[in-house]
PDB file of N, CA and C in Angstrom:
ATOM      1  N   MET A   1     -39.972 -28.130   5.729  1.00  0.00           N
ATOM      2  CA  MET A   1     -38.772 -28.485   5.026  1.00  0.00           C
ATOM      3  C   MET A   1     -37.809 -29.143   6.047  1.00  0.00           C
ATOM      4  N   THR A   2     -37.248 -30.253   5.641  1.00  0.00           N
ATOM      5  CA  THR A   2     -36.365 -30.986   6.536  1.00  0.00           C
ATOM      6  C   THR A   2     -34.962 -30.340   6.476  1.00  0.00           C
ATOM      7  N   SER A   3     -34.168 -30.718   7.423  1.00  0.00           N
ATOM      8  CA  SER A   3     -32.835 -30.166   7.535  1.00  0.00           C
ATOM      9  C   SER A   3     -31.995 -30.565   6.314  1.00  0.00           C
ATOM     10  N   ALA A   4     -32.141 -31.812   5.866  1.00  0.00           N
ATOM     11  CA  ALA A   4     -31.342 -32.272   4.729  1.00  0.00           C
ATOM     12  C   ALA A   4     -31.716 -31.523   3.461  1.00  0.00           C
ATOM     13  N   SER A   5     -33.008 -31.303   3.244  1.00  0.00           N
ATOM     14  CA  SER A   5     -33.430 -30.603   2.015  1.00  0.00           C
ATOM     15  C   SER A   5     -33.060 -29.133   2.110  1.00  0.00           C
ATOM     16  N   ALA A   6     -33.023 -28.563   3.303  1.00  0.00           N
ATOM     17  CA  ALA A   6     -32.608 -27.164   3.444  1.00  0.00           C
ATOM     18  C   ALA A   6     -31.135 -27.016   3.141  1.00  0.00           C
ATOM     19  N   LYS A   7     -30.326 -27.994   3.552  1.00  0.00           N
ATOM     20  CA  LYS A   7     -28.900 -27.984   3.237  1.00  0.00           C
ATOM     21  C   LYS A   7     -28.652 -28.106   1.747  1.00  0.00           C
ATOM     22  N   LYS A   8     -29.411 -28.996   1.093  1.00  0.00           N
ATOM     23  CA  LYS A   8     -29.269 -29.189  -0.321  1.00  0.00           C
ATOM     24  C   LYS A   8     -29.630 -27.890  -1.068  1.00  0.00           C
ATOM     25  N   LEU A   9     -30.708 -27.266  -0.629  1.00  0.00           N
ATOM     26  CA  LEU A   9     -31.150 -26.015  -1.253  1.00  0.00           C
ATOM     27  C   LEU A   9     -30.130 -24.906  -1.064  1.00  0.00           C
ATOM     28  N   SER A  10     -29.525 -24.838   0.121  1.00  0.00           N
ATOM     29  CA  SER A  10     -28.535 -23.785   0.355  1.00  0.00           C
ATOM     30  C   SER A  10     -27.254 -24.040  -0.438  1.00  0.00           C
ATOM     31  N   VAL A  11     -26.864 -25.310  -0.604  1.00  0.00           N
ATOM     32  CA  VAL A  11     -25.683 -25.633  -1.430  1.00  0.00           C
ATOM     33  C   VAL A  11     -25.977 -25.275  -2.889  1.00  0.00           C
ATOM     34  N   LEU A  12     -27.165 -25.620  -3.348  1.00  0.00           N
ATOM     35  CA  LEU A  12     -27.523 -25.306  -4.729  1.00  0.00           C
ATOM     36  C   LEU A  12     -27.530 -23.793  -4.960  1.00  0.00           C
ATOM     37  N   LEU A  13     -28.107 -23.057  -4.060  1.00  0.00           N
ATOM     38  CA  LEU A  13     -28.142 -21.605  -4.164  1.00  0.00           C
ATOM     39  C   LEU A  13     -26.739 -21.015  -4.155  1.00  0.00           C
ATOM     40  N   ALA A  14     -25.881 -21.515  -3.257  1.00  0.00           N
ATOM     41  CA  ALA A  14     -24.502 -21.005  -3.216  1.00  0.00           C
ATOM     42  C   ALA A  14     -23.769 -21.321  -4.506  1.00  0.00           C
ATOM     43  N   SER A  15     -23.944 -22.494  -5.086  1.00  0.00           N
ATOM     44  CA  SER A  15     -23.253 -22.831  -6.300  1.00  0.00           C
ATOM     45  C   SER A  15     -23.756 -21.950  -7.470  1.00  0.00           C
ATOM     46  N   VAL A  16     -25.046 -21.660  -7.498  1.00  0.00           N
ATOM     47  CA  VAL A  16     -25.567 -20.797  -8.589  1.00  0.00           C
ATOM     48  C   VAL A  16     -24.965 -19.390  -8.403  1.00  0.00           C
ATOM     49  N   VAL A  17     -24.942 -18.872  -7.205  1.00  0.00           N
ATOM     50  CA  VAL A  17     -24.402 -17.539  -6.985  1.00  0.00           C
ATOM     51  C   VAL A  17     -22.930 -17.470  -7.396  1.00  0.00           C
ATOM     52  N   LEU A  18     -22.154 -18.481  -7.022  1.00  0.00           N
ATOM     53  CA  LEU A  18     -20.726 -18.491  -7.379  1.00  0.00           C
ATOM     54  C   LEU A  18     -20.531 -18.591  -8.880  1.00  0.00           C
ATOM     55  N   SER A  19     -21.320 -19.417  -9.543  1.00  0.00           N
ATOM     56  CA  SER A  19     -21.164 -19.568 -10.976  1.00  0.00           C
ATOM     57  C   SER A  19     -21.535 -18.267 -11.698  1.00  0.00           C
ATOM     58  N   VAL A  20     -22.558 -17.586 -11.279  1.00  0.00           N
ATOM     59  CA  VAL A  20     -22.969 -16.317 -11.883  1.00  0.00           C
ATOM     60  C   VAL A  20     -21.919 -15.238 -11.601  1.00  0.00           C
ATOM     61  N   ALA A  21     -21.440 -15.217 -10.368  1.00  0.00           N
ATOM     62  CA  ALA A  21     -20.435 -14.209  -9.993  1.00  0.00           C
ATOM     63  C   ALA A  21     -19.108 -14.411 -10.742  1.00  0.00           C
ATOM     64  N   SER A  22     -18.754 -15.634 -11.050  1.00  0.00           N
ATOM     65  CA  SER A  22     -17.501 -15.870 -11.787  1.00  0.00           C
ATOM     66  C   SER A  22     -17.666 -15.542 -13.263  1.00  0.00           C
ATOM     67  N   ALA A  23     -18.891 -15.633 -13.794  1.00  0.00           N
ATOM     68  CA  ALA A  23     -19.118 -15.341 -15.204  1.00  0.00           C
ATOM     69  C   ALA A  23     -19.315 -13.870 -15.451  1.00  0.00           C
ATOM     70  N   ALA A  24     -19.690 -13.096 -14.459  1.00  0.00           N
ATOM     71  CA  ALA A  24     -20.011 -11.680 -14.642  1.00  0.00           C
ATOM     72  C   ALA A  24     -18.770 -10.895 -15.139  1.00  0.00           C
ATOM     73  N   PRO A  25     -17.567 -11.071 -14.645  1.00  0.00           N
ATOM     74  CA  PRO A  25     -16.442 -10.324 -15.157  1.00  0.00           C
ATOM     75  C   PRO A  25     -16.162 -10.581 -16.630  1.00  0.00           C
ATOM     76  N   VAL A  26     -16.423 -11.806 -17.095  1.00  0.00           N
ATOM     77  CA  VAL A  26     -16.229 -12.134 -18.520  1.00  0.00           C
ATOM     78  C   VAL A  26     -17.132 -11.289 -19.358  1.00  0.00           C
ATOM     79  N   PHE A  27     -18.382 -11.199 -18.971  1.00  0.00           N
ATOM     80  CA  PHE A  27     -19.339 -10.403 -19.761  1.00  0.00           C
ATOM     81  C   PHE A  27     -18.989  -8.932 -19.681  1.00  0.00           C
ATOM     82  N   ALA A  28     -18.474  -8.475 -18.580  1.00  0.00           N
ATOM     83  CA  ALA A  28     -18.184  -7.064 -18.437  1.00  0.00           C
ATOM     84  C   ALA A  28     -17.014  -6.641 -19.284  1.00  0.00           C
ATOM     85  N   GLN A  29     -16.152  -7.581 -19.660  1.00  0.00           N
ATOM     86  CA  GLN A  29     -14.974  -7.261 -20.479  1.00  0.00           C
ATOM     87  C   GLN A  29     -15.195  -7.321 -21.954  1.00  0.00           C
ATOM     88  N   THR A  30     -16.363  -7.816 -22.367  1.00  0.00           N
ATOM     89  CA  THR A  30     -16.606  -7.889 -23.808  1.00  0.00           C
ATOM     90  C   THR A  30     -17.515  -6.753 -24.202  1.00  0.00           C
ATOM     91  N   ALA A  31     -17.366  -6.287 -25.461  1.00  0.00           N
ATOM     92  CA  ALA A  31     -18.134  -5.137 -25.961  1.00  0.00           C
ATOM     93  C   ALA A  31     -19.520  -5.529 -26.389  1.00  0.00           C
ATOM     94  N   GLY A  32     -19.695  -6.738 -26.839  1.00  0.00           N
ATOM     95  CA  GLY A  32     -21.015  -7.109 -27.325  1.00  0.00           C
ATOM     96  C   GLY A  32     -21.007  -8.585 -27.687  1.00  0.00           C
ATOM     97  N   ALA A  33     -21.801  -8.933 -28.675  1.00  0.00           N
ATOM     98  CA  ALA A  33     -21.949 -10.344 -29.072  1.00  0.00           C
ATOM     99  C   ALA A  33     -20.677 -10.854 -29.745  1.00  0.00           C
ATOM    100  N   GLY A  34     -19.893  -9.990 -30.346  1.00  0.00           N
ATOM    101  CA  GLY A  34     -18.676 -10.398 -31.035  1.00  0.00           C
ATOM    102  C   GLY A  34     -17.626 -10.890 -30.054  1.00  0.00           C
ATOM    103  N   GLY A  35     -17.646 -10.403 -28.850  1.00  0.00           N
ATOM    104  CA  GLY A  35     -16.688 -10.863 -27.870  1.00  0.00           C
ATOM    105  C   GLY A  35     -15.381 -10.144 -27.891  1.00  0.00           C
ATOM    106  N   SER A  36     -15.214  -9.198 -28.809  1.00  0.00           N
ATOM    107  CA  SER A  36     -13.940  -8.449 -28.852  1.00  0.00           C
ATOM    108  C   SER A  36     -14.045  -7.293 -27.875  1.00  0.00           C
ATOM    109  N   PRO A  37     -12.905  -6.912 -27.281  1.00  0.00           N
ATOM    110  CA  PRO A  37     -12.975  -5.816 -26.330  1.00  0.00           C
ATOM    111  C   PRO A  37     -13.266  -4.505 -27.049  1.00  0.00           C
ATOM    112  N   ALA A  38     -13.940  -3.618 -26.323  1.00  0.00           N
ATOM    113  CA  ALA A  38     -14.256  -2.309 -26.857  1.00  0.00           C
ATOM    114  C   ALA A  38     -12.960  -1.509 -27.006  1.00  0.00           C
ATOM    115  N   PRO A  39     -12.915  -0.515 -27.931  1.00  0.00           N
ATOM    116  CA  PRO A  39     -11.691   0.257 -28.134  1.00  0.00           C
ATOM    117  C   PRO A  39     -11.216   0.934 -26.851  1.00  0.00           C
ATOM    118  N   ALA A  40     -12.111   1.419 -26.053  1.00  0.00           N
ATOM    119  CA  ALA A  40     -11.706   2.053 -24.791  1.00  0.00           C
ATOM    120  C   ALA A  40     -11.029   1.074 -23.859  1.00  0.00           C
ATOM    121  N   ASP A  41     -11.561  -0.160 -23.857  1.00  0.00           N
ATOM    122  CA  ASP A  41     -10.976  -1.210 -23.008  1.00  0.00           C
ATOM    123  C   ASP A  41      -9.565  -1.558 -23.518  1.00  0.00           C
ATOM    124  N   ALA A  42      -9.403  -1.585 -24.830  1.00  0.00           N
ATOM    125  CA  ALA A  42      -8.123  -1.916 -25.425  1.00  0.00           C
ATOM    126  C   ALA A  42      -7.103  -0.837 -25.057  1.00  0.00           C
ATOM    127  N   ASN A  43      -7.519   0.416 -25.143  1.00  0.00           N
ATOM    128  CA  ASN A  43      -6.615   1.517 -24.774  1.00  0.00           C
ATOM    129  C   ASN A  43      -6.226   1.481 -23.316  1.00  0.00           C
ATOM    130  N   ALA A  44      -7.209   1.143 -22.462  1.00  0.00           N
ATOM    131  CA  ALA A  44      -6.891   1.052 -21.027  1.00  0.00           C
ATOM    132  C   ALA A  44      -5.951  -0.083 -20.775  1.00  0.00           C
ATOM    133  N   ALA A  45      -6.119  -1.237 -21.476  1.00  0.00           N
ATOM    134  CA  ALA A  45      -5.234  -2.355 -21.292  1.00  0.00           C
ATOM    135  C   ALA A  45      -3.829  -2.022 -21.742  1.00  0.00           C
ATOM    136  N   ASN A  46      -3.731  -1.256 -22.889  1.00  0.00           N
ATOM    137  CA  ASN A  46      -2.414  -0.875 -23.371  1.00  0.00           C
ATOM    138  C   ASN A  46      -1.709   0.091 -22.416  1.00  0.00           C
ATOM    139  N   ALA A  47      -2.513   0.998 -21.850  1.00  0.00           N
ATOM    140  CA  ALA A  47      -1.965   1.971 -20.908  1.00  0.00           C
ATOM    141  C   ALA A  47      -1.474   1.283 -19.640  1.00  0.00           C
ATOM    142  N   MET A  48      -2.221   0.274 -19.190  1.00  0.00           N
ATOM    143  CA  MET A  48      -1.789  -0.458 -17.985  1.00  0.00           C
ATOM    144  C   MET A  48      -0.529  -1.261 -18.306  1.00  0.00           C
ATOM    145  N   ALA A  49      -0.458  -1.840 -19.473  1.00  0.00           N
ATOM    146  CA  ALA A  49       0.750  -2.612 -19.816  1.00  0.00           C
ATOM    147  C   ALA A  49       1.959  -1.700 -19.938  1.00  0.00           C
ATOM    148  N   ALA A  50       1.764  -0.496 -20.452  1.00  0.00           N
ATOM    149  CA  ALA A  50       2.881   0.450 -20.617  1.00  0.00           C
ATOM    150  C   ALA A  50       3.347   0.981 -19.233  1.00  0.00           C
ATOM    151  N   SER A  51       2.422   1.124 -18.318  1.00  0.00           N
ATOM    152  CA  SER A  51       2.793   1.689 -17.000  1.00  0.00           C
ATOM    153  C   SER A  51       3.395   0.634 -16.110  1.00  0.00           C
ATOM    154  N   LYS A  52       3.299  -0.658 -16.455  1.00  0.00           N
ATOM    155  CA  LYS A  52       3.850  -1.680 -15.620  1.00  0.00           C
ATOM    156  C   LYS A  52       5.363  -1.645 -15.633  1.00  0.00           C
ATOM    157  N   PRO A  53       5.990  -1.704 -14.459  1.00  0.00           N
ATOM    158  CA  PRO A  53       7.461  -1.743 -14.492  1.00  0.00           C
ATOM    159  C   PRO A  53       7.919  -3.109 -15.001  1.00  0.00           C
ATOM    160  N   THR A  54       9.156  -3.163 -15.419  1.00  0.00           N
ATOM    161  CA  THR A  54       9.655  -4.428 -15.928  1.00  0.00           C
ATOM    162  C   THR A  54       9.656  -5.434 -14.790  1.00  0.00           C
ATOM    163  N   ALA A  55       9.503  -6.689 -15.154  1.00  0.00           N
ATOM    164  CA  ALA A  55       9.466  -7.740 -14.183  1.00  0.00           C
ATOM    165  C   ALA A  55      10.800  -7.841 -13.456  1.00  0.00           C
ATOM    166  N   THR A  56      10.742  -7.918 -12.165  1.00  0.00           N
ATOM    167  CA  THR A  56      11.970  -8.046 -11.372  1.00  0.00           C
ATOM    168  C   THR A  56      11.903  -9.341 -10.596  1.00  0.00           C
ATOM    169  N   THR A  57      13.017  -9.884 -10.314  1.00  0.00           N
ATOM    170  CA  THR A  57      13.039 -11.117  -9.560  1.00  0.00           C
ATOM    171  C   THR A  57      12.821 -10.837  -8.097  1.00  0.00           C
ATOM    172  N   LYS A  58      12.581 -11.889  -7.375  1.00  0.00           N
ATOM    173  CA  LYS A  58      12.318 -11.755  -5.946  1.00  0.00           C
ATOM    174  C   LYS A  58      13.563 -11.199  -5.232  1.00  0.00           C
ATOM    175  N   ALA A  59      14.727 -11.620  -5.677  1.00  0.00           N
ATOM    176  CA  ALA A  59      15.979 -11.185  -5.063  1.00  0.00           C
ATOM    177  C   ALA A  59      16.200  -9.680  -5.314  1.00  0.00           C
ATOM    178  N   GLU A  60      15.841  -9.230  -6.512  1.00  0.00           N
ATOM    179  CA  GLU A  60      15.993  -7.806  -6.830  1.00  0.00           C
ATOM    180  C   GLU A  60      15.031  -6.955  -6.019  1.00  0.00           C
ATOM    181  N   GLN A  61      13.820  -7.446  -5.842  1.00  0.00           N
ATOM    182  CA  GLN A  61      12.848  -6.732  -5.027  1.00  0.00           C
ATOM    183  C   GLN A  61      13.322  -6.650  -3.578  1.00  0.00           C
ATOM    184  N   LYS A  62      13.849  -7.728  -3.064  1.00  0.00           N
ATOM    185  CA  LYS A  62      14.357  -7.767  -1.708  1.00  0.00           C
ATOM    186  C   LYS A  62      15.535  -6.798  -1.546  1.00  0.00           C
ATOM    187  N   ALA A  63      16.415  -6.743  -2.525  1.00  0.00           N
ATOM    188  CA  ALA A  63      17.546  -5.840  -2.466  1.00  0.00           C
ATOM    189  C   ALA A  63      17.070  -4.376  -2.524  1.00  0.00           C
ATOM    190  N   ALA A  64      16.033  -4.093  -3.303  1.00  0.00           N
ATOM    191  CA  ALA A  64      15.512  -2.735  -3.391  1.00  0.00           C
ATOM    192  C   ALA A  64      14.882  -2.343  -2.051  1.00  0.00           C
ATOM    193  N   ARG A  65      14.117  -3.232  -1.431  1.00  0.00           N
ATOM    194  CA  ARG A  65      13.518  -2.914  -0.141  1.00  0.00           C
ATOM    195  C   ARG A  65      14.590  -2.696   0.928  1.00  0.00           C
ATOM    196  N   LYS A  66      15.649  -3.498   0.873  1.00  0.00           N
ATOM    197  CA  LYS A  66      16.751  -3.356   1.828  1.00  0.00           C
ATOM    198  C   LYS A  66      17.443  -2.015   1.651  1.00  0.00           C
ATOM    199  N   ALA A  67      17.645  -1.578   0.410  1.00  0.00           N
ATOM    200  CA  ALA A  67      18.284  -0.314   0.155  1.00  0.00           C
ATOM    201  C   ALA A  67      17.413   0.842   0.633  1.00  0.00           C
ATOM    202  N   GLU A  68      16.073   0.725   0.436  1.00  0.00           N
ATOM    203  CA  GLU A  68      15.154   1.765   0.909  1.00  0.00           C
ATOM    204  C   GLU A  68      15.191   1.873   2.448  1.00  0.00           C
ATOM    205  N   ARG A  69      15.231   0.707   3.114  1.00  0.00           N
ATOM    206  CA  ARG A  69      15.266   0.713   4.599  1.00  0.00           C
ATOM    207  C   ARG A  69      16.555   1.325   5.074  1.00  0.00           C
ATOM    208  N   LYS A  70      17.645   1.003   4.391  1.00  0.00           N
ATOM    209  CA  LYS A  70      18.953   1.518   4.793  1.00  0.00           C
ATOM    210  C   LYS A  70      18.996   3.019   4.627  1.00  0.00           C
ATOM    211  N   GLN A  71      18.445   3.528   3.514  1.00  0.00           N
ATOM    212  CA  GLN A  71      18.412   4.964   3.254  1.00  0.00           C
ATOM    213  C   GLN A  71      17.543   5.690   4.304  1.00  0.00           C
ATOM    214  N   ALA A  72      16.385   5.120   4.643  1.00  0.00           N
ATOM    215  CA  ALA A  72      15.496   5.736   5.635  1.00  0.00           C
ATOM    216  C   ALA A  72      16.158   5.709   7.009  1.00  0.00           C
ATOM    217  N   ARG A  73      16.861   4.662   7.346  1.00  0.00           N
ATOM    218  CA  ARG A  73      17.557   4.592   8.622  1.00  0.00           C
ATOM    219  C   ARG A  73      18.687   5.626   8.685  1.00  0.00           C
ATOM    220  N   GLU A  74      19.427   5.812   7.600  1.00  0.00           N
ATOM    221  CA  GLU A  74      20.486   6.820   7.574  1.00  0.00           C
ATOM    222  C   GLU A  74      19.908   8.213   7.727  1.00  0.00           C
ATOM    223  N   LYS A  75      18.778   8.485   7.086  1.00  0.00           N
ATOM    224  CA  LYS A  75      18.139   9.784   7.199  1.00  0.00           C
ATOM    225  C   LYS A  75      17.702  10.054   8.638  1.00  0.00           C
ATOM    226  N   LYS A  76      17.079   9.048   9.245  1.00  0.00           N
ATOM    227  CA  LYS A  76      16.580   9.153  10.609  1.00  0.00           C
ATOM    228  C   LYS A  76      17.765   9.433  11.567  1.00  0.00           C
ATOM    229  N   ASN A  77      18.827   8.653  11.407  1.00  0.00           N
ATOM    230  CA  ASN A  77      19.992   8.829  12.260  1.00  0.00           C
ATOM    231  C   ASN A  77      20.649  10.179  12.099  1.00  0.00           C
ATOM    232  N   ALA A  78      20.675  10.666  10.851  1.00  0.00           N
ATOM    233  CA  ALA A  78      21.278  11.985  10.601  1.00  0.00           C
ATOM    234  C   ALA A  78      20.430  13.084  11.271  1.00  0.00           C
ATOM    235  N   GLU A  79      19.099  12.956  11.191  1.00  0.00           N
ATOM    236  CA  GLU A  79      18.223  13.944  11.843  1.00  0.00           C
ATOM    237  C   GLU A  79      18.391  13.919  13.359  1.00  0.00           C
ATOM    238  N   LEU A  80      18.518  12.695  13.906  1.00  0.00           N
ATOM    239  CA  LEU A  80      18.698  12.582  15.353  1.00  0.00           C
ATOM    240  C   LEU A  80      20.023  13.194  15.781  1.00  0.00           C
ATOM    241  N   LYS A  81      21.079  12.955  15.007  1.00  0.00           N
ATOM    242  CA  LYS A  81      22.372  13.548  15.348  1.00  0.00           C
ATOM    243  C   LYS A  81      22.325  15.076  15.251  1.00  0.00           C
ATOM    244  N   ALA A  82      21.576  15.615  14.281  1.00  0.00           N
ATOM    245  CA  ALA A  82      21.465  17.077  14.174  1.00  0.00           C
ATOM    246  C   ALA A  82      20.709  17.619  15.375  1.00  0.00           C
ATOM    247  N   LEU A  83      19.651  16.925  15.805  1.00  0.00           N
ATOM    248  CA  LEU A  83      18.881  17.388  16.953  1.00  0.00           C
ATOM    249  C   LEU A  83      19.734  17.350  18.225  1.00  0.00           C
ATOM    250  N   GLU A  84      20.500  16.281  18.380  1.00  0.00           N
ATOM    251  CA  GLU A  84      21.359  16.149  19.538  1.00  0.00           C
ATOM    252  C   GLU A  84      22.416  17.235  19.538  1.00  0.00           C
ATOM    253  N   ALA A  85      22.922  17.604  18.382  1.00  0.00           N
ATOM    254  CA  ALA A  85      23.920  18.679  18.271  1.00  0.00           C
ATOM    255  C   ALA A  85      23.326  20.026  18.652  1.00  0.00           C
ATOM    256  N   HIS A  86      22.021  20.164  18.522  1.00  0.00           N
ATOM    257  CA  HIS A  86      21.361  21.440  18.844  1.00  0.00           C
ATOM    258  C   HIS A  86      20.624  21.405  20.170  1.00  0.00           C
ATOM    259  N   GLY A  87      21.011  20.512  21.065  1.00  0.00           N
ATOM    260  CA  GLY A  87      20.527  20.550  22.419  1.00  0.00           C
ATOM    261  C   GLY A  87      19.514  19.518  22.836  1.00  0.00           C
ATOM    262  N   TYR A  88      19.044  18.660  21.933  1.00  0.00           N
ATOM    263  CA  TYR A  88      18.042  17.674  22.305  1.00  0.00           C
ATOM    264  C   TYR A  88      18.742  16.445  22.880  1.00  0.00           C
ATOM    265  N   GLN A  89      18.271  15.997  24.039  1.00  0.00           N
ATOM    266  CA  GLN A  89      18.837  14.821  24.692  1.00  0.00           C
ATOM    267  C   GLN A  89      17.755  13.805  24.932  1.00  0.00           C
ATOM    268  N   PRO A  90      17.640  12.813  24.022  1.00  0.00           N
ATOM    269  CA  PRO A  90      16.545  11.840  24.102  1.00  0.00           C
ATOM    270  C   PRO A  90      16.604  10.950  25.323  1.00  0.00           C
ATOM    271  N   SER A  91      17.758  10.761  25.907  1.00  0.00           N
ATOM    272  CA  SER A  91      17.858   9.875  27.077  1.00  0.00           C
ATOM    273  C   SER A  91      17.462  10.549  28.357  1.00  0.00           C
ATOM    274  N   ARG A  92      17.344  11.871  28.337  1.00  0.00           N
ATOM    275  CA  ARG A  92      17.003  12.641  29.551  1.00  0.00           C
ATOM    276  C   ARG A  92      15.510  12.535  29.803  1.00  0.00           C
ATOM    277  N   ASN A  93      15.155  12.324  31.061  1.00  0.00           N
ATOM    278  CA  ASN A  93      13.741  12.286  31.436  1.00  0.00           C
ATOM    279  C   ASN A  93      13.313  13.718  31.765  1.00  0.00           C
ATOM    280  N   ASP A  94      12.868  14.431  30.764  1.00  0.00           N
ATOM    281  CA  ASP A  94      12.599  15.846  30.848  1.00  0.00           C
ATOM    282  C   ASP A  94      11.076  16.119  30.872  1.00  0.00           C
ATOM    283  N   PRO A  95      10.618  16.864  31.888  1.00  0.00           N
ATOM    284  CA  PRO A  95       9.169  17.197  31.926  1.00  0.00           C
ATOM    285  C   PRO A  95       8.786  18.144  30.776  1.00  0.00           C
ATOM    286  N   ASN A  96       9.778  18.820  30.168  1.00  0.00           N
ATOM    287  CA  ASN A  96       9.524  19.746  29.086  1.00  0.00           C
ATOM    288  C   ASN A  96       9.828  19.081  27.744  1.00  0.00           C
ATOM    289  N   TYR A  97       9.510  17.790  27.640  1.00  0.00           N
ATOM    290  CA  TYR A  97       9.882  17.009  26.459  1.00  0.00           C
ATOM    291  C   TYR A  97       9.455  17.651  25.139  1.00  0.00           C
ATOM    292  N   PRO A  98       8.240  17.994  24.920  1.00  0.00           N
ATOM    293  CA  PRO A  98       7.938  18.463  23.566  1.00  0.00           C
ATOM    294  C   PRO A  98       8.624  19.808  23.275  1.00  0.00           C
ATOM    295  N   THR A  99       8.789  20.619  24.269  1.00  0.00           N
ATOM    296  CA  THR A  99       9.353  21.969  24.051  1.00  0.00           C
ATOM    297  C   THR A  99      10.807  21.880  23.647  1.00  0.00           C
ATOM    298  N   ASP A 100      11.599  21.039  24.352  1.00  0.00           N
ATOM    299  CA  ASP A 100      13.015  20.991  24.039  1.00  0.00           C
ATOM    300  C   ASP A 100      13.247  20.322  22.674  1.00  0.00           C
ATOM    301  N   LEU A 101      12.399  19.396  22.271  1.00  0.00           N
ATOM    302  CA  LEU A 101      12.521  18.792  20.955  1.00  0.00           C
ATOM    303  C   LEU A 101      12.172  19.813  19.883  1.00  0.00           C
ATOM    304  N   GLN A 102      11.104  20.566  20.111  1.00  0.00           N
ATOM    305  CA  GLN A 102      10.704  21.561  19.133  1.00  0.00           C
ATOM    306  C   GLN A 102      11.774  22.659  18.994  1.00  0.00           C
ATOM    307  N   ASN A 103      12.369  23.061  20.120  1.00  0.00           N
ATOM    308  CA  ASN A 103      13.429  24.069  20.063  1.00  0.00           C
ATOM    309  C   ASN A 103      14.644  23.552  19.277  1.00  0.00           C
ATOM    310  N   ALA A 104      15.011  22.296  19.486  1.00  0.00           N
ATOM    311  CA  ALA A 104      16.124  21.691  18.746  1.00  0.00           C
ATOM    312  C   ALA A 104      15.781  21.616  17.264  1.00  0.00           C
ATOM    313  N   GLN A 105      14.537  21.298  16.927  1.00  0.00           N
ATOM    314  CA  GLN A 105      14.139  21.229  15.527  1.00  0.00           C
ATOM    315  C   GLN A 105      14.249  22.586  14.871  1.00  0.00           C
ATOM    316  N   LYS A 106      13.840  23.636  15.569  1.00  0.00           N
ATOM    317  CA  LYS A 106      13.953  25.014  15.007  1.00  0.00           C
ATOM    318  C   LYS A 106      15.410  25.378  14.790  1.00  0.00           C
ATOM    319  N   LYS A 107      16.285  25.069  15.753  1.00  0.00           N
ATOM    320  CA  LYS A 107      17.695  25.391  15.646  1.00  0.00           C
ATOM    321  C   LYS A 107      18.358  24.614  14.499  1.00  0.00           C
ATOM    322  N   ALA A 108      17.981  23.365  14.362  1.00  0.00           N
ATOM    323  CA  ALA A 108      18.585  22.498  13.344  1.00  0.00           C
ATOM    324  C   ALA A 108      17.993  22.742  11.952  1.00  0.00           C
ATOM    325  N   GLY A 109      16.853  23.450  11.910  1.00  0.00           N
ATOM    326  CA  GLY A 109      16.193  23.688  10.615  1.00  0.00           C
ATOM    327  C   GLY A 109      15.495  22.473  10.072  1.00  0.00           C
ATOM    328  N   ILE A 110      15.196  21.532  10.938  1.00  0.00           N
ATOM    329  CA  ILE A 110      14.467  20.320  10.560  1.00  0.00           C
ATOM    330  C   ILE A 110      12.977  20.619  10.723  1.00  0.00           C
ATOM    331  N   GLY A 111      12.188  20.149   9.773  1.00  0.00           N
ATOM    332  CA  GLY A 111      10.757  20.337   9.842  1.00  0.00           C
ATOM    333  C   GLY A 111      10.196  19.848  11.172  1.00  0.00           C
ATOM    334  N   ALA A 112       9.216  20.578  11.708  1.00  0.00           N
ATOM    335  CA  ALA A 112       8.624  20.210  12.973  1.00  0.00           C
ATOM    336  C   ALA A 112       7.864  18.862  12.823  1.00  0.00           C
ATOM    337  N   GLY A 113       7.824  18.159  13.888  1.00  0.00           N
ATOM    338  CA  GLY A 113       7.101  16.867  13.914  1.00  0.00           C
ATOM    339  C   GLY A 113       5.614  17.105  13.962  1.00  0.00           C
ATOM    340  N   ALA A 114       4.883  16.150  14.508  1.00  0.00           N
ATOM    341  CA  ALA A 114       3.440  16.221  14.602  1.00  0.00           C
ATOM    342  C   ALA A 114       3.063  17.351  15.526  1.00  0.00           C
ATOM    343  N   SER A 115       2.161  18.184  15.086  1.00  0.00           N
ATOM    344  CA  SER A 115       1.700  19.280  15.942  1.00  0.00           C
ATOM    345  C   SER A 115       0.414  18.881  16.639  1.00  0.00           C
ATOM    346  N   GLN A 116       0.160  19.522  17.745  1.00  0.00           N
ATOM    347  CA  GLN A 116      -1.015  19.189  18.525  1.00  0.00           C
ATOM    348  C   GLN A 116      -2.056  20.280  18.393  1.00  0.00           C
TER     349      GLN A 116
END
């Protein structure tokens, strides 16, 4: 087989695979020869449509993400202030680093971080 005919054969094979792969989902969504969706598929589609949140604009989504980041940052800063108030000093180069942080967490009543 020459190189040109091998290339033609591989292109033909790839096109057949792609055409079959693109048609497979269409057949999977139909119940039979009638082409109407099966009742279970219709119920699943209705459930998915009902669970979808209302469409939001890009600006609204950006504002929501910004508000979530702001809330997370406020929570983090509040926890850090509470730890500092109970003896944790993050700027100190302490050889007992994990111990003093854990002690401050216990005093502040903040859940412990990652355990080892």
